[in-house]
Protein backbone atom coordinates (compact mmCIF):
# COMPACT_ATOMS: atom_id res chain seq x y z
CA MET A 1 14.88 -11.32 -3.31
CA ARG A 2 11.63 -9.03 -2.48
CA ALA A 3 11.57 -5.77 -3.98
CA THR A 4 10.96 -3.66 -0.32
CA PRO A 5 12.35 -6.37 2.11
CA TYR A 6 12.49 -3.96 5.00
CA VAL A 7 8.41 -4.17 4.81
CA ALA A 8 5.54 -6.29 6.97
CA SER A 9 1.67 -6.05 5.56
CA LEU A 10 -1.35 -6.70 8.09
CA ARG A 11 -4.30 -7.73 4.88
CA VAL A 12 -7.73 -8.12 5.51
CA TYR A 13 -8.97 -9.91 2.70
CA GLU A 14 -12.73 -10.30 1.88
CA PRO A 15 -15.18 -12.45 0.17
CA ILE A 16 -15.65 -12.54 -3.20
CA SER A 17 -19.59 -11.44 -2.72
CA ALA A 18 -18.50 -8.40 -1.00
CA PHE A 19 -17.05 -6.36 -4.20
CA ASP A 20 -18.86 -4.79 -6.63
CA ALA A 21 -19.80 -6.81 -9.35
CA ALA A 22 -17.48 -5.29 -11.73
CA ASP A 23 -14.69 -6.22 -9.38
CA ARG A 24 -16.35 -9.65 -9.23
CA LEU A 25 -16.41 -10.39 -13.40
CA ARG A 26 -12.65 -8.79 -13.13
CA TRP A 27 -11.29 -10.97 -10.02
CA GLN A 28 -12.92 -14.54 -10.50
CA GLY A 29 -11.24 -15.82 -13.36
CA ILE A 30 -7.73 -14.69 -12.57
CA GLU A 31 -5.16 -17.01 -11.39
CA ASN A 32 -3.84 -17.35 -7.78
CA ASP A 33 -0.46 -15.67 -8.69
CA ALA A 34 2.52 -15.79 -5.74
CA SER A 35 4.05 -13.31 -7.30
CA SER A 36 1.11 -10.29 -6.67
CA PHE A 37 2.91 -9.45 -3.46
CA ASP A 38 6.69 -8.78 -5.52
CA ARG A 39 4.39 -7.19 -8.30
CA GLU A 40 2.91 -5.18 -5.58
CA GLN A 41 6.06 -4.01 -4.36
CA LYS A 42 7.45 -2.81 -7.37
CA LEU A 43 4.80 -0.71 -8.36
CA ALA A 44 5.20 1.23 -4.85
CA LEU A 45 8.64 1.36 -5.51
CA ASN A 46 8.07 2.44 -9.27
CA ARG A 47 5.35 5.24 -7.85
CA VAL A 48 8.29 7.36 -5.96
CA ALA A 49 10.70 7.03 -7.92
CA HIS A 50 8.16 8.33 -11.14
CA PRO A 51 4.90 9.97 -9.04
CA GLU A 52 1.63 9.24 -11.00
CA PRO A 53 -2.11 9.94 -9.98
CA PRO A 54 -3.10 6.50 -8.97
CA ALA A 55 -6.47 6.84 -9.09
CA GLY A 56 -7.76 5.23 -11.93
CA ARG A 57 -5.19 3.07 -12.89
CA PRO A 58 -5.20 -0.95 -12.85
CA ASP A 59 -4.49 -1.95 -9.53
CA GLY A 60 -3.78 -5.84 -8.71
CA VAL A 61 -4.64 -7.73 -5.55
CA HIS A 62 -3.72 -10.52 -3.29
CA ILE A 63 -6.07 -14.09 -3.81
CA ILE A 64 -6.89 -16.41 -1.01
CA ASP A 65 -8.72 -19.25 -2.08
CA LYS A 66 -10.38 -21.65 0.78
CA ASP A 67 -12.96 -23.66 1.26
CA LYS A 68 -14.11 -23.08 -1.92
CA THR A 69 -15.06 -19.60 -1.71
CA ARG A 70 -12.14 -17.02 -3.52
CA TYR A 71 -10.88 -14.18 -1.18
CA LEU A 72 -9.31 -10.59 -2.22
CA SER A 73 -7.22 -8.22 -0.81
CA PRO A 74 -7.09 -5.28 -3.26
CA TRP A 75 -3.55 -3.58 -3.05
CA SER A 76 -6.18 -0.14 -3.04
CA THR A 77 -3.04 1.71 -5.05
CA ALA A 78 -5.18 5.27 -4.98
CA THR A 79 -6.53 5.01 -1.17
CA ARG A 80 -2.84 4.38 0.17
CA CYS A 81 -1.40 7.02 -2.02
CA TRP A 82 -3.65 9.32 -0.49
CA ALA A 83 -3.88 7.90 3.17
CA ALA A 84 0.13 7.92 3.53
CA LEU A 85 -0.33 11.67 2.12
CA ASP A 86 -3.23 12.39 4.75
CA ASN A 87 -1.60 11.11 7.64
CA PHE A 88 1.98 12.86 6.96
CA LYS A 89 0.13 16.51 6.55
CA GLU A 90 -1.24 15.80 10.03
CA SER A 91 2.23 14.88 11.46
CA LEU A 92 3.52 18.44 10.12
CA PRO A 93 2.46 21.61 10.55
CA SER A 94 0.68 23.19 7.76
CA SER A 95 3.68 25.75 6.97
CA VAL A 96 6.31 23.27 7.05
CA VAL A 97 4.33 20.41 4.86
CA PRO A 98 5.59 22.16 0.79
CA PHE A 99 9.12 22.16 2.15
CA PHE A 100 8.78 18.40 1.94
CA ILE A 101 6.20 17.77 -0.36
CA SER A 102 5.02 20.58 -2.86
CA PRO A 103 1.99 21.76 -4.26
CA ALA A 104 2.73 20.13 -7.75
CA LEU A 105 3.37 16.81 -6.21
CA GLU A 106 0.67 16.60 -3.79
CA GLU A 107 -1.68 17.50 -6.83
CA VAL A 108 -0.40 14.04 -8.67
CA ILE A 109 -0.94 12.03 -5.80
CA THR A 110 -4.79 12.98 -5.01
CA ALA A 111 -6.28 13.79 -9.00
CA GLY A 112 -9.03 11.41 -9.04
CA VAL A 113 -9.47 10.89 -5.75
CA ASP A 114 -12.53 12.13 -5.03
CA LEU A 115 -13.84 9.99 -7.32
CA LEU A 116 -12.59 6.91 -5.00
CA GLY A 117 -15.60 5.16 -4.12
CA ASP A 118 -13.79 3.43 -0.83
CA LYS A 119 -11.00 5.03 1.00
CA THR A 120 -10.13 2.25 3.30
CA PRO A 121 -7.31 0.39 2.50
CA HIS A 122 -7.31 -3.22 2.77
CA ILE A 123 -3.46 -3.54 3.65
CA LEU A 124 -1.30 -2.08 6.05
CA ASN A 125 2.45 -2.19 6.14
CA GLU A 126 5.33 -0.81 8.30
CA THR A 127 8.94 -0.55 7.98
CA TRP A 128 11.29 -2.73 9.80
CA LEU A 129 9.04 -3.12 12.63
CA ILE A 130 5.45 -4.78 13.41
CA PRO A 131 3.68 -2.95 15.49
CA PRO A 132 2.73 -4.83 18.82
CA ARG A 133 -0.78 -4.52 18.29
CA TRP A 134 -0.92 -6.54 15.02
CA PHE A 135 0.26 -9.43 17.27
CA VAL A 136 -3.03 -9.40 19.11
CA LEU A 137 -5.16 -10.78 16.04
CA PHE A 138 -3.31 -13.67 16.01
CA SER A 139 -2.66 -16.95 17.96
CA PRO A 140 0.67 -19.15 17.77
CA GLU A 141 -1.51 -22.04 15.79
CA GLU A 142 -2.66 -19.91 13.36
CA ARG A 143 0.70 -18.78 12.40
CA THR A 144 3.18 -20.69 9.59
CA ARG A 145 6.95 -20.36 8.75
CA GLY A 146 8.74 -21.74 5.54
CA GLU A 147 10.98 -20.34 2.77
CA ASP A 148 10.69 -19.87 -0.44
CA GLU A 149 11.76 -18.29 -3.56
CA ASN A 150 12.36 -15.27 -1.52
CA GLY A 151 13.57 -16.49 1.74
CA LEU A 152 12.25 -17.39 4.57
CA TYR A 153 8.55 -16.42 5.56
CA SER A 154 6.86 -15.44 8.75
CA LYS A 155 2.46 -15.40 8.60
CA ALA A 156 -0.54 -16.08 10.24
CA LEU A 157 -4.31 -15.79 9.07
CA THR A 158 -7.06 -15.88 11.35
CA SER A 159 -11.01 -14.77 10.72
CA ILE A 160 -11.71 -11.63 11.08
CA ALA A 161 -14.34 -12.59 13.53
CA ASN A 162 -11.14 -14.45 15.70
CA ALA A 163 -9.25 -10.59 15.02
CA LYS A 164 -11.95 -8.12 16.19
CA GLN A 165 -12.75 -10.23 19.44
CA ARG A 166 -9.22 -10.59 20.30
CA CYS A 167 -8.32 -6.56 19.69
CA ALA A 168 -11.19 -5.59 21.76
CA SER A 169 -10.35 -8.35 24.55
CA ALA A 170 -7.03 -6.45 24.23
CA HIS A 171 -8.07 -3.34 24.39
CA GLU A 172 -10.21 -3.70 27.29
CA SER A 173 -7.08 -4.83 29.11
CA VAL A 174 -4.94 -1.75 27.86
CA LEU A 175 -8.36 0.90 29.20
CA GLY A 176 -8.33 -1.19 32.61
CA ALA A 177 -4.24 -0.68 33.10
CA PHE A 178 -3.66 2.39 31.90
CA GLY A 179 -7.05 4.05 31.03
CA GLU A 180 -6.91 6.29 27.63
CA GLY A 181 -4.03 7.20 26.40
CA PRO A 182 -1.92 6.31 23.28
CA VAL A 183 -1.70 2.82 23.12
CA GLU A 184 -5.45 2.39 23.89
CA GLU A 185 -6.47 4.47 20.90
CA GLU A 186 -3.60 2.53 18.51
CA LEU A 187 -6.11 -0.65 19.45
CA GLU A 188 -9.42 1.20 19.12
CA ASN A 189 -8.41 2.68 15.81
CA LEU A 190 -7.34 -0.65 14.56
CA LEU A 191 -10.70 -2.44 15.92
CA ASP A 192 -12.16 0.14 13.35
CA TRP A 193 -10.28 -0.82 10.77
CA LEU A 194 -11.62 -4.13 11.46
CA GLU A 195 -15.17 -2.97 11.56
CA MET A 196 -15.22 -2.09 8.03
CA PHE A 197 -14.95 -5.13 6.60
CA HIS A 198 -16.88 -7.78 5.57
CA PRO A 199 -17.68 -10.14 8.78
CA LYS A 200 -16.26 -13.31 6.92
CA SER A 201 -13.25 -12.11 5.82
CA LEU A 202 -9.50 -13.05 6.85
CA VAL A 203 -6.43 -11.14 8.90
CA GLU A 204 -3.03 -12.25 7.73
CA LEU A 205 -0.10 -10.67 8.88
CA ASP A 206 3.05 -11.30 6.94
CA TYR A 207 6.23 -10.83 7.96
CA GLY A 208 7.55 -10.05 4.70
CA GLY A 209 11.41 -10.10 4.20
CA LEU A 210 11.49 -8.79 7.92
CA ALA A 211 11.74 -12.96 8.66
CA ASN A 212 14.96 -12.54 6.89
CA TYR A 213 15.95 -10.50 9.42
CA MET A 214 14.58 -11.73 12.61
CA ASP A 215 16.31 -15.21 11.59
CA LYS A 216 19.46 -13.34 11.63
CA ALA A 217 19.00 -11.48 14.73
CA LEU A 218 18.13 -14.63 16.44
CA ARG A 219 21.12 -16.67 14.95
CA ASP A 220 23.34 -14.06 16.25
CA SER A 221 22.11 -14.29 19.20
CA GLY A 222 23.33 -17.91 20.00
CA GLU A 223 19.15 -18.32 18.97
CA ASN A 224 17.58 -20.85 16.77
CA GLY A 225 16.26 -18.64 14.59
CA LEU A 226 12.88 -17.53 13.03
CA GLU A 227 12.04 -21.05 14.84
CA SER A 228 12.31 -19.04 18.18
CA ASP A 229 10.82 -16.08 17.58
CA SER A 230 7.90 -15.83 19.87
CA SER A 231 6.00 -12.62 19.12
CA ILE A 232 2.59 -13.84 19.44
CA GLU A 233 3.04 -15.80 22.44
CA ASP A 234 5.27 -12.38 24.01
CA VAL A 235 1.91 -9.81 23.07
CA LEU A 236 -0.61 -12.75 24.58
CA HIS A 237 1.36 -13.05 27.62
CA SER A 238 1.83 -9.29 28.25
CA VAL A 239 -1.90 -8.45 27.56
CA ALA A 240 -2.78 -11.49 30.01
CA GLY A 241 -0.60 -10.13 32.36
CA LEU A 242 -2.74 -6.77 32.46
CA ALA A 243 -5.68 -8.49 32.30
CA ALA A 244 -4.66 -10.58 35.67
CA ALA A 245 -3.06 -6.32 37.11
CA ASP A 246 0.22 -8.55 37.39
CA ALA A 247 2.61 -5.46 35.96
CA MET A 248 5.36 -7.74 36.42
CA MET A 249 4.20 -10.71 33.91
CA ALA A 250 3.09 -7.76 31.63
CA GLY A 251 6.40 -6.11 31.74
CA THR A 252 8.17 -9.36 30.75
CA GLY A 253 6.11 -10.73 27.45
CA TYR A 254 6.73 -6.73 26.18
CA GLN A 255 10.51 -6.42 27.31
CA ARG A 256 10.90 -9.89 25.59
CA LEU A 257 8.95 -8.81 22.20
CA MET A 258 10.76 -5.57 22.26
CA SER A 259 13.90 -6.28 22.29
CA ARG A 260 13.79 -8.58 20.03
CA TRP A 261 12.29 -6.22 17.29
CA ARG A 262 15.37 -4.05 17.83
CA LEU A 263 17.47 -6.47 16.86
CA VAL A 264 15.35 -6.39 13.63
CA GLN A 265 15.25 -2.64 13.37
CA GLY A 266 18.69 -2.26 13.78
CA PHE A 267 19.70 -3.80 10.58
CA GLU A 268 18.72 -0.67 9.26
CA GLN A 269 20.89 1.49 10.10
CA ALA A 270 23.24 -1.20 8.93
CA SER A 271 21.77 -1.17 5.39
């Protein structure tokens, strides 16, 4: 079972040539080990229970070997700890932050962050829900499903060029339908994130343990489990409706998507 079965991930894998010489030397010869995902999650849990300065600590990497090229998605532990803290602080008045994070703990998390050359994480995580904007980046034929030692899985993999084109098109449709606003801004931020990486990179959506919850939710609803999940199709249907100025079409796709994921979110309260 996964260490954090409620976490989904969006990852960018850059070709090994995009990294500096030291990282290329360190990662070229290591084994492509599927257990890297579990080890990443266990490290994250350990650092929640026992905070330590993440910068400068040994970090791991996820690997895809494809078409004679090695692609890497570093865990970027230090960067993600720093980004999570920064986002949390921005969500609260400065006078309230110390009640949640003591100055001593903040110092532990941020120690050495100024030394980081790259503060852009290769991995984004969400709990109990996959943001609709993530599905925009993929097409149904890029999705794979199956079962491994951790249970069911659902992933999608595409080129970053495809992901950026689809994100830009969705942003244009949302902007045309609604103008500037939160949804438009989220798509713009996602596109800005993708623009930070090598143009030959790969982008992966991984349901993580949410694949098992989605399977149960759909079976409880009388459907054929995970195979019935049409989240990518529903988002594409909704965006196409926006592009065609067809509000009913857009709303139908979005409603199907959110009603399905609300069932998954319900397991958070039950657990």
